[in-house]
Amino acid sequence: MVMSGIVTDISTQTSASSATIERARAGWDAWRANRLSSVTAPTGNLALIETRWLQEGDTTTPGEALAGHPATVTATELTRRSLETGEVERGIRLWDAASPAIQDFETIEVFPFDPSWVIEATFTPVSDDRTIPFEHIRDNGLTRELVVPGDITFERDGVAYTLSAFDDDGTLLLVFGDPTNGAEGEDGTYASGRFLFVEHVDDHVVLDFNRAFVPPCGFSDQYNCPLPPRNNRFPVAVTAGEKRVAFRGGAHH
């Protein structure tokens, strides 16, 4: 079927047990409410107004970085590894609980819950510390090596998939793309892809794409999000989960 120029998968075949689907459906409304609350929090995705990477020898503290800012602004520290030198770099982030993005925010558009996009899959561990290069949205085509502890495999409508989810502080995070990314019309989703946390128990995983979400960089350009690797790009539209961030006046991100 073609909707808004996107070829969509309208198969009614499910890829999970009825119990798994009902559990996913039962928690979906609460997940939605939690997402809307978290992105508008004082240090939520919409609150980030600056990410500042410090030069070597710069000892600026978060408290010093707040100079001249209103009381609604808070500061936190973070680190990353330099792509050029491999050395650890220190940075400071500023968050504004009254940011323009929070004030203009309306909602996160979302597809209706679709049981066919709740998928039970197999997780196959690989050797320790296997890494895969991921491009990031602000790295000008350079890549960062992220630990991918195993392969996620499943079959949908006769097509076999092998996906790579990286280790995000002990949780599997899937960065995926599909033809809805950046598409026009009501089925369009965030242009750079979407994220999904993967339920993982031993060799069994659940991919509930109804909980696919717009990554932090869809709320603030101060984030540097990973982009989907080639094997995580679906040839069919994933019409489940969050679509785009909607702001007042009809603007989308």
Protein backbone atom coordinates (compact mmCIF):
# COMPACT_ATOMS: atom_id res chain seq x y z
CA MET A 1 0.00 0.00 0.00
CA VAL A 2 1.19 3.55 -0.74
CA MET A 3 0.39 6.37 1.69
CA SER A 4 1.79 9.88 1.28
CA GLY A 5 4.39 8.53 -1.13
CA ILE A 6 5.59 5.88 1.34
CA VAL A 7 5.30 2.17 0.67
CA THR A 8 3.85 0.75 3.88
CA ASP A 9 3.71 -2.80 5.16
CA ILE A 10 0.05 -3.64 5.85
CA SER A 11 0.55 -7.28 6.77
CA THR A 12 -1.60 -8.34 9.73
CA GLN A 13 0.75 -11.19 10.58
CA THR A 14 2.11 -10.88 14.11
CA SER A 15 5.63 -11.83 15.17
CA ALA A 16 5.05 -12.21 18.92
CA SER A 17 2.90 -14.20 21.31
CA SER A 18 -0.47 -12.83 22.38
CA ALA A 19 0.83 -12.42 25.95
CA THR A 20 3.79 -10.35 24.76
CA ILE A 21 1.53 -8.18 22.61
CA GLU A 22 -0.98 -7.60 25.40
CA ARG A 23 1.79 -6.64 27.81
CA ALA A 24 3.11 -4.16 25.27
CA ARG A 25 -0.34 -2.71 24.64
CA ALA A 26 -1.13 -2.40 28.36
CA GLY A 27 1.95 -0.28 29.04
CA TRP A 28 1.82 1.89 25.94
CA ASP A 29 -0.28 4.80 27.28
CA ALA A 30 1.92 5.10 30.37
CA TRP A 31 5.03 5.06 28.17
CA ARG A 32 3.58 7.88 26.06
CA ALA A 33 2.79 9.98 29.12
CA ASN A 34 6.27 9.40 30.53
CA ARG A 35 7.89 10.46 27.27
CA LEU A 36 5.98 13.74 27.15
CA SER A 37 6.89 14.43 30.77
CA SER A 38 10.57 13.57 30.39
CA VAL A 39 11.30 15.68 27.30
CA THR A 40 9.83 18.80 28.98
CA ALA A 41 11.63 18.28 32.31
CA PRO A 42 14.18 20.88 33.52
CA THR A 43 16.99 18.70 32.12
CA GLY A 44 14.89 17.00 29.45
CA ASN A 45 15.69 16.93 25.74
CA LEU A 46 13.91 20.22 25.03
CA ALA A 47 15.80 22.05 27.79
CA LEU A 48 19.32 21.64 26.36
CA ILE A 49 20.48 25.03 25.06
CA GLU A 50 24.26 24.58 24.87
CA THR A 51 26.90 21.85 24.74
CA ARG A 52 30.34 23.39 25.22
CA TRP A 53 33.51 21.33 24.76
CA LEU A 54 36.43 22.72 26.77
CA GLN A 55 39.93 23.18 25.44
CA GLU A 56 42.79 21.38 27.17
CA GLY A 57 43.65 23.23 30.37
CA ASP A 58 40.27 24.96 30.62
CA THR A 59 39.12 24.43 34.21
CA THR A 60 35.71 26.06 33.91
CA THR A 61 33.28 24.53 36.40
CA PRO A 62 29.53 24.10 35.87
CA GLY A 63 28.96 26.83 38.45
CA GLU A 64 31.21 29.24 36.58
CA ALA A 65 29.45 28.41 33.31
CA LEU A 66 26.17 29.65 34.80
CA ALA A 67 27.44 33.22 35.11
CA GLY A 68 25.04 35.62 33.42
CA HIS A 69 22.27 33.07 32.96
CA PRO A 70 18.83 33.24 34.61
CA ALA A 71 17.84 31.04 37.54
CA THR A 72 16.02 28.65 35.19
CA VAL A 73 19.37 27.45 33.79
CA THR A 74 21.37 24.58 35.29
CA ALA A 75 24.74 23.13 34.25
CA THR A 76 26.09 19.58 34.10
CA GLU A 77 29.38 17.99 33.05
CA LEU A 78 30.01 15.30 30.43
CA THR A 79 32.94 13.67 28.66
CA ARG A 80 33.67 12.17 25.27
CA ARG A 81 36.65 10.71 23.45
CA SER A 82 38.20 12.93 20.79
CA LEU A 83 37.98 11.54 17.26
CA GLU A 84 41.31 13.16 16.41
CA THR A 85 43.45 12.26 19.42
CA GLY A 86 41.53 9.56 21.27
CA GLU A 87 41.92 11.58 24.47
CA VAL A 88 39.03 12.19 26.85
CA GLU A 89 37.52 15.66 26.47
CA ARG A 90 35.46 17.43 29.11
CA GLY A 91 32.36 19.40 28.34
CA ILE A 92 29.59 21.39 30.00
CA ARG A 93 25.92 21.39 29.14
CA LEU A 94 23.47 24.17 29.93
CA TRP A 95 19.80 23.36 30.43
CA ASP A 96 17.01 25.94 30.58
CA ALA A 97 13.73 24.91 32.21
CA ALA A 98 12.11 27.83 30.38
CA SER A 99 13.80 27.32 27.00
CA PRO A 100 12.07 28.56 23.84
CA ALA A 101 11.75 24.94 22.71
CA ILE A 102 9.83 23.99 25.86
CA GLN A 103 7.57 27.02 25.52
CA ASP A 104 6.80 26.26 21.86
CA PHE A 105 6.44 22.49 22.26
CA GLU A 106 3.05 20.97 21.46
CA THR A 107 3.46 17.20 21.33
CA ILE A 108 5.30 14.25 19.86
CA GLU A 109 3.26 12.88 16.98
CA VAL A 110 2.82 9.11 17.12
CA PHE A 111 1.41 6.22 15.11
CA PRO A 112 -1.51 4.27 16.62
CA PHE A 113 -0.47 1.13 18.49
CA ASP A 114 0.15 -1.67 15.98
CA PRO A 115 0.47 -5.23 17.35
CA SER A 116 2.20 -6.41 14.18
CA TRP A 117 5.23 -4.30 15.12
CA VAL A 118 5.78 -6.16 18.39
CA ILE A 119 8.45 -8.66 17.37
CA GLU A 120 10.09 -11.46 19.31
CA ALA A 121 13.62 -12.04 18.08
CA THR A 122 16.81 -13.93 18.90
CA PHE A 123 19.90 -12.37 20.43
CA THR A 124 23.20 -14.08 19.61
CA PRO A 125 26.14 -12.87 21.74
CA VAL A 126 29.49 -12.29 20.07
CA SER A 127 33.02 -11.96 21.39
CA ASP A 128 33.59 -9.36 24.08
CA ASP A 129 34.11 -5.77 23.03
CA ARG A 130 33.11 -6.15 19.39
CA THR A 131 32.61 -2.65 18.02
CA ILE A 132 30.87 -1.30 14.95
CA PRO A 133 31.48 2.17 13.48
CA PHE A 134 28.50 4.52 13.81
CA GLU A 135 28.36 7.88 12.10
CA HIS A 136 27.06 10.70 14.30
CA ILE A 137 24.96 13.63 13.23
CA ARG A 138 27.53 16.31 14.16
CA ASP A 139 30.76 14.49 13.25
CA ASN A 140 30.93 15.43 9.55
CA GLY A 141 31.00 11.85 8.29
CA LEU A 142 33.51 10.53 10.82
CA THR A 143 32.59 7.48 12.88
CA ARG A 144 32.73 6.43 16.51
CA GLU A 145 33.25 2.81 17.52
CA LEU A 146 30.39 1.58 19.71
CA VAL A 147 30.27 -1.78 21.49
CA VAL A 148 27.70 -4.12 19.88
CA PRO A 149 27.57 -7.22 22.12
CA GLY A 150 25.54 -9.42 19.77
CA ASP A 151 23.28 -9.76 16.74
CA ILE A 152 19.48 -9.50 16.78
CA THR A 153 17.83 -11.73 14.18
CA PHE A 154 14.22 -12.26 13.14
CA GLU A 155 12.05 -12.77 10.08
CA ARG A 156 9.15 -10.55 9.03
CA ASP A 157 6.96 -11.21 6.01
CA GLY A 158 9.53 -13.61 4.60
CA VAL A 159 12.46 -11.21 4.97
CA ALA A 160 15.32 -12.08 7.33
CA TYR A 161 16.87 -9.24 9.34
CA THR A 162 20.09 -9.00 11.34
CA LEU A 163 20.25 -5.83 13.43
CA SER A 164 23.00 -4.24 15.51
CA ALA A 165 22.07 -2.67 18.85
CA PHE A 166 24.84 -1.06 20.84
CA ASP A 167 25.46 -1.16 24.58
CA ASP A 168 24.10 2.03 26.15
CA ASP A 169 25.16 1.75 29.80
CA GLY A 170 23.99 -1.85 30.04
CA THR A 171 20.88 -1.47 27.87
CA LEU A 172 20.63 -2.43 24.21
CA LEU A 173 19.81 0.60 22.07
CA LEU A 174 18.76 0.08 18.46
CA VAL A 175 19.30 2.98 16.05
CA PHE A 176 17.24 2.29 12.94
CA GLY A 177 16.03 3.94 9.77
CA ASP A 178 13.22 3.32 7.31
CA PRO A 179 11.55 5.03 4.33
CA THR A 180 9.38 7.23 6.59
CA ASN A 181 12.44 9.21 7.72
CA GLY A 182 12.11 12.75 6.42
CA ALA A 183 9.11 11.86 4.25
CA GLU A 184 6.32 14.36 3.66
CA GLY A 185 2.79 13.79 4.91
CA GLU A 186 1.24 12.29 8.01
CA ASP A 187 3.42 9.17 7.95
CA GLY A 188 6.71 11.07 7.91
CA THR A 189 9.11 10.56 10.82
CA TYR A 190 12.23 12.30 12.13
CA ALA A 191 14.68 12.57 9.26
CA SER A 192 17.79 11.06 10.86
CA GLY A 193 16.17 7.87 12.13
CA ARG A 194 14.69 6.68 15.41
CA PHE A 195 15.80 4.87 18.56
CA LEU A 196 14.42 1.81 20.35
CA PHE A 197 15.42 0.28 23.68
CA VAL A 198 15.44 -3.50 23.36
CA GLU A 199 14.08 -5.85 26.02
CA HIS A 200 16.74 -8.53 26.44
CA VAL A 201 16.61 -11.72 28.53
CA ASP A 202 19.32 -14.23 27.63
CA ASP A 203 18.89 -15.07 23.92
CA HIS A 204 15.33 -13.73 23.73
CA VAL A 205 14.59 -10.11 22.81
CA VAL A 206 11.42 -8.15 22.21
CA LEU A 207 11.42 -5.35 19.65
CA ASP A 208 8.33 -3.25 20.38
CA PHE A 209 8.51 -0.66 17.63
CA ASN A 210 5.44 1.04 19.13
CA ARG A 211 7.99 2.43 21.58
CA ALA A 212 10.38 3.66 18.92
CA PHE A 213 11.23 7.24 19.82
CA VAL A 214 12.59 10.42 18.33
CA PRO A 215 16.25 10.69 19.43
CA PRO A 216 17.47 13.60 21.55
CA CYS A 217 18.81 15.42 18.48
CA GLY A 218 15.21 15.70 17.28
CA PHE A 219 14.57 18.07 20.18
CA SER A 220 17.80 20.08 20.33
CA ASP A 221 20.65 20.53 17.87
CA GLN A 222 23.04 20.49 20.84
CA TYR A 223 23.01 16.67 20.87
CA ASN A 224 25.26 14.45 18.76
CA CYS A 225 23.20 11.35 17.96
CA PRO A 226 24.38 8.17 16.23
CA LEU A 227 22.92 7.45 12.80
CA PRO A 228 21.57 4.07 11.63
CA PRO A 229 24.20 1.74 10.16
CA ARG A 230 23.35 0.13 6.83
CA ASN A 231 22.05 -3.15 8.27
CA ASN A 232 19.63 -1.26 10.56
CA ARG A 233 17.85 0.43 7.65
CA PHE A 234 14.51 -1.25 6.90
CA PRO A 235 13.33 -1.44 3.26
CA VAL A 236 9.70 -1.11 4.41
CA ALA A 237 8.04 1.66 6.38
CA VAL A 238 7.99 1.13 10.14
CA THR A 239 4.59 2.69 10.84
CA ALA A 240 4.81 2.40 14.62
CA GLY A 241 6.17 4.52 17.44
CA GLU A 242 6.88 8.23 17.55
CA LYS A 243 6.92 10.25 14.34
CA ARG A 244 8.15 13.82 14.81
CA VAL A 245 8.25 16.64 17.36
CA ALA A 246 5.49 19.20 16.78
CA PHE A 247 5.81 22.85 17.79
CA ARG A 248 3.35 25.73 17.78
CA GLY A 249 2.67 27.24 14.40
CA GLY A 250 2.88 23.89 12.63
CA ALA A 251 6.66 23.50 12.77
CA HIS A 252 8.11 19.99 12.96
CA HIS A 253 11.51 18.59 13.79
